[in-house]
Amino acid sequence: MSIPEAIILGIIQGITEWLPVSSSGHLALASYLFGIEPVGISLMLHLSSLFAVIIVLRKDILGIAKAGIKSIGEPNPESKLLFYIITATIPIAIIGLLFKDNIEAAFNSIRLVGIFLIITAIILWLTKYSKPNRDISLAGSIIIGLSQALAILPGISRSGATISAALCMGIDREKAARFSFLLFIPAIAGATILEYRTFAEVDLIPGIVAASVSFTLSLFVIRWLIGLVKKSRLHWFAPYCLVLGITAVLI
């Protein structure tokens, strides 16, 4: 992988990981065009995104951690949120372990990526009709967790699936976005532990360049998307996913 290719992949990850357009789908398409094995570099890029979201949501994370300790003797709203995050993470952990090889194989099928992008477009368009005003519940966290598990497939947007599921259940827009990003942390941390061997497949210097670009862009895009969700504009990305999906199917 060359440095220019690394920069392009970093830009793709830094923007598309957070926007509801499927970073895995974009990385699979770019890797196909560049002739690069996507699994190793994809994990390194996702790790850079993990560091970025921890920085952006550091106050939320510290609040949840403190609440978790205090809740040992006295339950509180933040500790309940921690419980919901754990609950929502279970589906992706189970599916990731059971279907790891099948998921990796899906990255090599551009037409399959295209089909999943079209599904993402439909999911995003449905948010146009949502009227969110509720808090996250146990049932809601389970459904959001199942949506995140579905987004393991390349072409299904993780943020798009989780935020859309939350909005369609009537969950407050900002809470939906923040919960989605908080879910990203245990999901990627777990994937990193499972796939750490793939780091050996990545060229060190281009990998660091790609991760650095992704990390820097992520710091800005996360904040921007939270504001966009609050303004009820998630469905704006549906036409883009639809066009890209159709293009991928026809390649």
Protein backbone atom coordinates (compact mmCIF):
# COMPACT_ATOMS: atom_id res chain seq x y z
CA MET A 1 0.00 0.00 0.00
CA SER A 2 1.39 3.38 -1.03
CA ILE A 3 1.24 6.57 1.05
CA PRO A 4 -1.36 8.22 -1.26
CA GLU A 5 -3.55 5.11 -0.96
CA ALA A 6 -3.11 5.20 2.82
CA ILE A 7 -4.22 8.84 2.93
CA ILE A 8 -7.30 8.06 0.83
CA LEU A 9 -8.24 5.13 3.08
CA GLY A 10 -7.74 7.33 6.15
CA ILE A 11 -10.03 9.99 4.70
CA ILE A 12 -12.66 7.38 3.85
CA GLN A 13 -12.59 5.90 7.36
CA GLY A 14 -12.47 9.25 9.16
CA ILE A 15 -15.59 10.44 7.36
CA THR A 16 -17.65 7.34 6.61
CA GLU A 17 -17.25 5.58 9.98
CA TRP A 18 -19.44 8.22 11.56
CA LEU A 19 -21.66 9.27 8.68
CA PRO A 20 -24.45 6.72 8.05
CA VAL A 21 -22.97 5.50 4.76
CA SER A 22 -21.02 2.37 5.89
CA SER A 23 -17.27 2.74 6.34
CA SER A 24 -16.82 -1.02 5.85
CA GLY A 25 -18.59 -0.81 2.50
CA HIS A 26 -16.45 2.12 1.37
CA LEU A 27 -13.24 0.46 2.58
CA ALA A 28 -14.20 -2.77 0.78
CA LEU A 29 -14.79 -0.83 -2.45
CA ALA A 30 -11.56 1.16 -2.10
CA SER A 31 -9.55 -1.97 -1.24
CA TYR A 32 -11.03 -3.68 -4.30
CA LEU A 33 -9.97 -0.78 -6.53
CA PHE A 34 -6.48 -0.57 -4.96
CA GLY A 35 -5.98 -4.34 -4.83
CA ILE A 36 -5.46 -4.29 -1.04
CA GLU A 37 -6.48 -6.94 1.51
CA PRO A 38 -9.14 -5.05 3.52
CA VAL A 39 -9.24 -6.94 6.83
CA GLY A 40 -5.91 -5.86 8.38
CA ILE A 41 -6.00 -2.19 7.40
CA SER A 42 -9.71 -2.01 8.26
CA LEU A 43 -8.99 -3.06 11.85
CA MET A 44 -6.17 -0.53 12.19
CA LEU A 45 -8.41 2.25 10.89
CA HIS A 46 -11.23 1.26 13.23
CA LEU A 47 -8.79 1.36 16.14
CA SER A 48 -7.95 4.98 15.26
CA SER A 49 -11.68 5.72 15.25
CA LEU A 50 -11.93 4.12 18.70
CA PHE A 51 -9.37 6.54 20.14
CA ALA A 52 -11.19 9.47 18.52
CA VAL A 53 -14.62 8.63 19.93
CA ILE A 54 -13.13 8.11 23.40
CA ILE A 55 -11.70 11.64 23.26
CA VAL A 56 -14.90 13.25 21.95
CA LEU A 57 -17.16 11.46 24.44
CA ARG A 58 -14.69 11.43 27.35
CA LYS A 59 -17.10 13.31 29.65
CA ASP A 60 -19.89 10.82 28.91
CA ILE A 61 -17.53 7.90 29.47
CA LEU A 62 -16.20 9.25 32.78
CA GLY A 63 -19.74 9.98 33.94
CA ILE A 64 -20.87 6.44 33.14
CA ALA A 65 -17.78 4.94 34.82
CA LYS A 66 -18.31 6.95 38.01
CA ALA A 67 -22.01 6.11 38.02
CA GLY A 68 -21.20 2.43 37.63
CA ILE A 69 -19.10 2.53 40.80
CA LYS A 70 -21.67 4.53 42.77
CA SER A 71 -24.54 2.30 41.64
CA ILE A 72 -23.21 -0.63 43.64
CA GLY A 73 -25.35 0.60 46.50
CA GLU A 74 -27.60 3.08 44.77
CA PRO A 75 -28.91 2.74 41.16
CA ASN A 76 -28.92 5.92 39.01
CA PRO A 77 -29.68 6.94 35.39
CA GLU A 78 -26.03 6.76 34.28
CA SER A 79 -25.57 3.27 35.70
CA LYS A 80 -28.71 2.22 33.86
CA LEU A 81 -27.14 3.55 30.65
CA LEU A 82 -24.06 1.42 31.34
CA PHE A 83 -26.31 -1.63 31.70
CA TYR A 84 -28.00 -0.80 28.38
CA ILE A 85 -24.63 -0.47 26.64
CA ILE A 86 -23.57 -3.89 27.93
CA THR A 87 -26.91 -5.40 26.88
CA ALA A 88 -26.70 -3.87 23.39
CA THR A 89 -23.15 -5.18 22.93
CA ILE A 90 -24.06 -8.84 23.50
CA PRO A 91 -25.61 -9.49 20.03
CA ILE A 92 -22.57 -8.23 18.09
CA ALA A 93 -20.23 -10.25 20.33
CA ILE A 94 -22.17 -13.47 19.69
CA ILE A 95 -22.60 -12.96 15.95
CA GLY A 96 -19.01 -11.79 15.52
CA LEU A 97 -17.69 -14.95 17.14
CA LEU A 98 -20.04 -17.35 15.34
CA PHE A 99 -19.83 -15.91 11.83
CA LYS A 100 -16.33 -14.38 11.75
CA ASP A 101 -15.16 -16.24 8.62
CA ASN A 102 -18.41 -15.61 6.72
CA ILE A 103 -18.21 -11.90 7.48
CA GLU A 104 -14.61 -11.66 6.25
CA ALA A 105 -15.64 -13.43 3.03
CA ALA A 106 -18.41 -10.88 2.47
CA PHE A 107 -15.76 -8.13 2.18
CA ASN A 108 -14.56 -9.75 -1.04
CA SER A 109 -17.98 -9.62 -2.74
CA ILE A 110 -18.50 -6.14 -4.18
CA ARG A 111 -22.02 -6.96 -5.37
CA LEU A 112 -22.96 -8.08 -1.88
CA VAL A 113 -21.58 -4.82 -0.50
CA GLY A 114 -23.75 -2.98 -3.02
CA ILE A 115 -26.88 -4.83 -1.92
CA PHE A 116 -26.19 -3.99 1.72
CA LEU A 117 -25.64 -0.31 0.81
CA ILE A 118 -29.07 -0.27 -0.81
CA ILE A 119 -30.53 -1.73 2.41
CA THR A 120 -28.76 1.05 4.35
CA ALA A 121 -30.40 3.62 2.07
CA ILE A 122 -33.86 2.22 2.86
CA ILE A 123 -33.13 2.21 6.61
CA LEU A 124 -31.98 5.84 6.52
CA TRP A 125 -35.01 6.99 4.54
CA LEU A 126 -37.34 5.56 7.18
CA THR A 127 -35.93 7.98 9.78
CA LYS A 128 -37.63 10.80 7.89
CA TYR A 129 -40.92 9.71 9.46
CA SER A 130 -39.70 9.23 13.04
CA LYS A 131 -40.92 11.37 15.94
CA PRO A 132 -38.41 10.78 18.74
CA ASN A 133 -39.11 11.99 22.30
CA ARG A 134 -38.42 8.97 24.56
CA ASP A 135 -35.55 7.71 26.70
CA ILE A 136 -33.62 4.52 26.00
CA SER A 137 -35.19 1.40 27.54
CA LEU A 138 -34.03 -2.19 28.01
CA ALA A 139 -36.10 -3.37 25.03
CA GLY A 140 -34.78 -0.46 22.98
CA SER A 141 -31.17 -1.28 23.83
CA ILE A 142 -31.68 -4.89 22.72
CA ILE A 143 -33.13 -3.80 19.35
CA ILE A 144 -30.33 -1.27 18.86
CA GLY A 145 -27.83 -4.01 19.73
CA LEU A 146 -29.34 -6.31 17.11
CA SER A 147 -29.08 -3.46 14.59
CA GLN A 148 -25.40 -3.06 15.41
CA ALA A 149 -24.88 -6.79 14.94
CA LEU A 150 -26.45 -6.54 11.48
CA ALA A 151 -23.98 -3.77 10.66
CA ILE A 152 -21.07 -6.24 10.86
CA LEU A 153 -21.90 -6.86 7.20
CA PRO A 154 -19.95 -4.57 4.82
CA GLY A 155 -22.36 -2.06 3.35
CA ILE A 156 -24.68 -1.88 6.36
CA SER A 157 -23.84 1.35 8.17
CA ARG A 158 -23.26 0.81 11.89
CA SER A 159 -24.15 4.37 12.87
CA GLY A 160 -26.97 4.40 10.32
CA ALA A 161 -28.48 1.13 11.59
CA THR A 162 -28.18 1.90 15.30
CA ILE A 163 -29.30 5.54 15.15
CA SER A 164 -32.13 4.71 12.75
CA ALA A 165 -33.35 1.90 15.01
CA ALA A 166 -33.32 4.27 17.98
CA LEU A 167 -35.14 7.03 16.11
CA CYS A 168 -37.79 4.67 14.75
CA MET A 169 -38.49 3.58 18.34
CA GLY A 170 -39.00 7.20 19.32
CA ILE A 171 -35.75 7.71 21.25
CA ASP A 172 -34.51 11.30 21.60
CA ARG A 173 -32.23 12.27 18.67
CA GLU A 174 -29.15 13.37 20.60
CA LYS A 175 -29.41 10.43 22.99
CA ALA A 176 -29.71 8.09 20.00
CA ALA A 177 -26.52 9.47 18.41
CA ARG A 178 -24.50 9.42 21.63
CA PHE A 179 -25.67 5.91 22.51
CA SER A 180 -24.66 4.72 19.04
CA PHE A 181 -21.17 6.16 19.41
CA LEU A 182 -20.78 4.77 22.93
CA LEU A 183 -21.70 1.31 21.59
CA PHE A 184 -18.83 1.62 19.11
CA ILE A 185 -16.28 1.48 21.95
CA PRO A 186 -16.83 -2.08 23.27
CA ALA A 187 -17.59 -3.37 19.75
CA ILE A 188 -14.27 -2.24 18.27
CA ALA A 189 -12.32 -3.06 21.42
CA GLY A 190 -13.63 -6.62 21.16
CA ALA A 191 -12.89 -6.86 17.44
CA THR A 192 -9.34 -5.64 18.04
CA ILE A 193 -8.73 -8.39 20.60
CA LEU A 194 -10.13 -11.05 18.25
CA GLU A 195 -8.30 -9.84 15.15
CA TYR A 196 -5.01 -8.56 16.59
CA ARG A 197 -3.03 -10.98 14.39
CA THR A 198 -4.14 -9.12 11.25
CA PHE A 199 -2.02 -6.13 12.28
CA ALA A 200 0.98 -8.11 11.03
CA GLU A 201 -0.49 -7.94 7.51
CA VAL A 202 -0.39 -4.12 7.40
CA ASP A 203 2.59 -2.10 6.12
CA LEU A 204 3.65 -0.11 9.19
CA ILE A 205 4.29 3.38 7.77
CA PRO A 206 1.27 3.53 5.41
CA GLY A 207 -0.85 2.04 8.20
CA ILE A 208 0.20 4.75 10.65
CA VAL A 209 -0.46 7.45 8.03
CA ALA A 210 -3.94 6.08 7.31
CA ALA A 211 -4.78 5.79 11.01
CA SER A 212 -3.53 9.33 11.74
CA VAL A 213 -5.66 10.84 8.97
CA SER A 214 -8.69 8.85 10.11
CA PHE A 215 -8.20 9.88 13.76
CA THR A 216 -7.92 13.59 12.94
CA LEU A 217 -11.00 13.67 10.72
CA SER A 218 -13.03 11.61 13.19
CA LEU A 219 -12.63 14.26 15.90
CA PHE A 220 -14.55 16.74 13.74
CA VAL A 221 -17.04 14.44 12.02
CA ILE A 222 -18.39 12.88 15.25
CA ARG A 223 -19.39 16.30 16.62
CA TRP A 224 -20.85 17.34 13.27
CA LEU A 225 -23.02 14.23 12.94
CA ILE A 226 -24.46 14.60 16.45
CA GLY A 227 -25.63 18.07 15.42
CA LEU A 228 -27.01 16.72 12.15
CA VAL A 229 -29.03 14.01 13.90
CA LYS A 230 -30.49 16.60 16.27
CA LYS A 231 -31.74 18.50 13.21
CA SER A 232 -33.45 15.37 11.81
CA ARG A 233 -31.38 15.14 8.64
CA LEU A 234 -30.12 11.58 8.73
CA HIS A 235 -32.24 10.65 5.70
CA TRP A 236 -30.18 13.05 3.57
CA PHE A 237 -27.63 10.26 3.13
CA ALA A 238 -30.13 7.74 1.73
CA PRO A 239 -29.83 8.82 -1.95
CA TYR A 240 -26.03 8.64 -1.76
CA CYS A 241 -26.09 5.09 -0.36
CA LEU A 242 -28.65 4.07 -2.97
CA VAL A 243 -26.58 5.37 -5.90
CA LEU A 244 -23.34 3.90 -4.55
CA GLY A 245 -25.06 0.57 -3.87
CA ILE A 246 -26.50 0.32 -7.37
CA THR A 247 -23.09 1.25 -8.83
CA ALA A 248 -21.38 -1.48 -6.78
CA VAL A 249 -23.92 -4.08 -7.91
CA LEU A 250 -23.34 -3.14 -11.56
CA ILE A 251 -19.51 -3.15 -11.41
